[in-house]
Amino acid sequence: MPAPKRKTLDLSLPPKEHFRDCYYFIQEIIQLMESVYNDLELERNWNHPDNRGWMNQFRHWTWVPMFRLVWSLTVQSRSGRFVQFCEARLDVPKMAQAQFMRVAWQKPNPDKAVPLAQRLKLQSKELYEQGRINQLGPAYCVRPPSRRP
């Protein structure tokens, strides 16, 4: 009897249209991890039974390829003790051992850039005018009552 096929995990990065959202979401996850690390003093208490759930969750997050990519791009903005903790306890690759990958970015299309620039210019003018109205205060935004003869 043949062995059953094992399901493989999808270890790919998110599609282009979701990449930015995923990037910022993972940054928030890393910030949450660092806050929990500091609040629960995980440097000393990582193996306490009450912290087992957090440690398991952290390990699950660090297995995600997008996490590893964002980690490698933002690790320099994290505290040294937190980075050492993640490398030692969560198997996050050390930067000296990290594998670097080449990313091929598409060249910008100048035909699409011009309309975008024009839209941004119009939006900035609208925001500027709205800011000026807000500075004037509500007295200038309300019509004066009409006088009836």
Protein backbone atom coordinates (compact mmCIF):
# COMPACT_ATOMS: atom_id res chain seq x y z
CA MET A 1 0.00 0.00 0.00
CA PRO A 2 1.52 3.39 -0.99
CA ALA A 3 2.22 5.91 1.72
CA PRO A 4 -0.34 8.72 1.93
CA LYS A 5 0.74 11.99 0.39
CA ARG A 6 1.72 14.60 2.92
CA LYS A 7 0.27 18.02 2.49
CA THR A 8 3.01 20.58 2.09
CA LEU A 9 2.81 24.01 3.59
CA ASP A 10 2.54 26.95 1.24
CA LEU A 11 5.67 28.88 2.07
CA SER A 12 5.27 31.56 -0.54
CA LEU A 13 5.02 35.29 0.01
CA PRO A 14 1.67 37.06 -0.37
CA PRO A 15 0.60 38.31 -3.80
CA LYS A 16 1.69 41.79 -4.87
CA GLU A 17 -1.69 43.38 -4.16
CA HIS A 18 -1.56 42.24 -0.49
CA PHE A 19 2.17 42.53 0.12
CA ARG A 20 2.12 46.02 1.65
CA ASP A 21 -0.75 45.21 4.03
CA CYS A 22 0.99 42.00 5.10
CA TYR A 23 4.27 43.84 5.63
CA TYR A 24 2.72 46.36 8.02
CA PHE A 25 0.65 43.68 9.75
CA ILE A 26 3.78 41.63 10.45
CA GLN A 27 5.49 44.76 11.79
CA GLU A 28 2.61 45.13 14.26
CA ILE A 29 2.99 41.47 15.24
CA ILE A 30 6.70 41.99 15.91
CA GLN A 31 5.88 45.07 17.99
CA LEU A 32 3.33 43.02 19.97
CA MET A 33 5.94 40.33 20.52
CA GLU A 34 8.45 42.87 21.81
CA SER A 35 5.85 44.40 24.16
CA VAL A 36 4.92 40.98 25.55
CA TYR A 37 8.63 40.13 25.86
CA ASN A 38 9.17 43.26 27.97
CA ASP A 39 5.94 43.05 30.00
CA LEU A 40 6.30 39.37 30.95
CA GLU A 41 10.08 39.57 31.28
CA LEU A 42 10.44 36.62 28.95
CA GLU A 43 14.23 36.86 29.08
CA ARG A 44 13.99 35.31 32.55
CA ASN A 45 10.52 33.72 32.43
CA TRP A 46 10.38 32.18 28.94
CA ASN A 47 9.94 28.65 30.33
CA HIS A 48 7.34 29.52 32.99
CA PRO A 49 4.15 27.45 32.47
CA ASP A 50 1.98 30.59 32.34
CA ASN A 51 3.98 31.87 29.35
CA ARG A 52 3.78 28.65 27.33
CA GLY A 53 0.91 29.91 25.16
CA TRP A 54 2.79 33.08 24.22
CA MET A 55 5.95 31.16 23.41
CA ASN A 56 4.02 28.70 21.23
CA GLN A 57 2.29 31.55 19.42
CA PHE A 58 5.59 33.33 18.87
CA ARG A 59 7.11 30.17 17.37
CA HIS A 60 4.16 29.79 14.99
CA TRP A 61 4.51 33.37 13.82
CA THR A 62 8.27 33.09 13.30
CA TRP A 63 7.81 30.11 10.95
CA VAL A 64 5.90 32.23 8.43
CA PRO A 65 8.09 33.29 5.47
CA MET A 66 6.66 36.81 5.44
CA PHE A 67 7.60 37.17 9.11
CA ARG A 68 11.19 36.18 8.33
CA LEU A 69 11.36 38.66 5.48
CA VAL A 70 9.99 41.55 7.54
CA TRP A 71 12.22 40.52 10.46
CA SER A 72 15.32 40.64 8.29
CA LEU A 73 14.36 44.09 6.98
CA THR A 74 13.48 45.63 10.36
CA VAL A 75 15.64 43.79 12.90
CA GLN A 76 17.99 46.78 13.23
CA SER A 77 15.14 48.83 14.74
CA ARG A 78 14.53 46.35 17.58
CA SER A 79 16.22 46.25 20.97
CA GLY A 80 19.35 44.12 21.16
CA ARG A 81 18.07 41.96 24.02
CA PHE A 82 14.82 41.23 22.19
CA VAL A 83 16.72 40.27 19.03
CA GLN A 84 19.01 37.94 20.99
CA PHE A 85 15.99 36.39 22.70
CA CYS A 86 14.28 35.73 19.36
CA GLU A 87 17.43 34.24 17.87
CA ALA A 88 18.01 31.98 20.89
CA ARG A 89 14.47 30.93 21.85
CA LEU A 90 12.39 31.31 18.67
CA ASP A 91 14.86 30.06 16.06
CA VAL A 92 14.80 33.30 14.13
CA PRO A 93 17.89 33.24 11.90
CA LYS A 94 20.79 35.38 13.02
CA MET A 95 21.53 38.19 10.64
CA ALA A 96 25.09 36.93 10.13
CA GLN A 97 23.64 33.60 8.96
CA ALA A 98 20.69 35.00 7.06
CA GLN A 99 20.15 33.99 3.49
CA PHE A 100 19.62 36.96 1.21
CA MET A 101 17.31 36.77 -1.75
CA ARG A 102 17.21 38.82 -4.89
CA VAL A 103 13.91 40.52 -5.60
CA ALA A 104 13.13 41.59 -9.15
CA TRP A 105 11.01 44.72 -9.02
CA GLN A 106 9.06 45.78 -12.05
CA LYS A 107 10.16 48.99 -13.70
CA PRO A 108 7.62 51.80 -13.25
CA ASN A 109 5.39 52.54 -16.19
CA PRO A 110 5.73 56.28 -16.98
CA ASP A 111 2.29 56.35 -18.62
CA LYS A 112 0.65 55.38 -15.33
CA ALA A 113 2.86 57.61 -13.19
CA VAL A 114 1.74 60.90 -14.78
CA PRO A 115 -2.00 60.48 -14.05
CA LEU A 116 -1.16 59.35 -10.52
CA ALA A 117 1.01 62.42 -9.98
CA GLN A 118 -1.78 64.66 -11.27
CA ARG A 119 -4.32 63.02 -8.94
CA LEU A 120 -1.99 63.44 -5.96
CA LYS A 121 -1.45 67.10 -6.87
CA LEU A 122 -5.22 67.71 -6.94
CA GLN A 123 -5.70 65.89 -3.66
CA SER A 124 -2.95 67.90 -2.00
CA LYS A 125 -4.60 71.15 -3.16
CA GLU A 126 -7.93 69.99 -1.74
CA LEU A 127 -6.31 69.07 1.58
CA TYR A 128 -4.54 72.42 1.70
CA GLU A 129 -7.79 74.30 1.14
CA GLN A 130 -9.59 72.13 3.72
CA GLY A 131 -6.82 72.93 6.21
CA ARG A 132 -7.21 76.66 5.56
CA ILE A 133 -10.97 76.39 6.13
CA ASN A 134 -10.37 74.52 9.39
CA GLN A 135 -7.95 77.23 10.58
CA LEU A 136 -10.54 79.95 9.97
CA GLY A 137 -12.91 78.25 12.35
CA PRO A 138 -16.59 77.44 12.28
CA ALA A 139 -17.71 81.08 12.03
CA TYR A 140 -16.43 81.24 8.45
CA CYS A 141 -17.92 77.90 7.46
CA VAL A 142 -21.50 78.70 8.39
CA ARG A 143 -23.67 80.83 6.14
CA PRO A 144 -25.00 83.93 7.76
CA PRO A 145 -28.74 83.86 8.28
CA SER A 146 -30.65 85.39 5.38
CA ARG A 147 -32.49 88.62 6.08
CA ARG A 148 -36.10 88.68 5.09
CA PRO A 149 -37.57 92.01 3.99
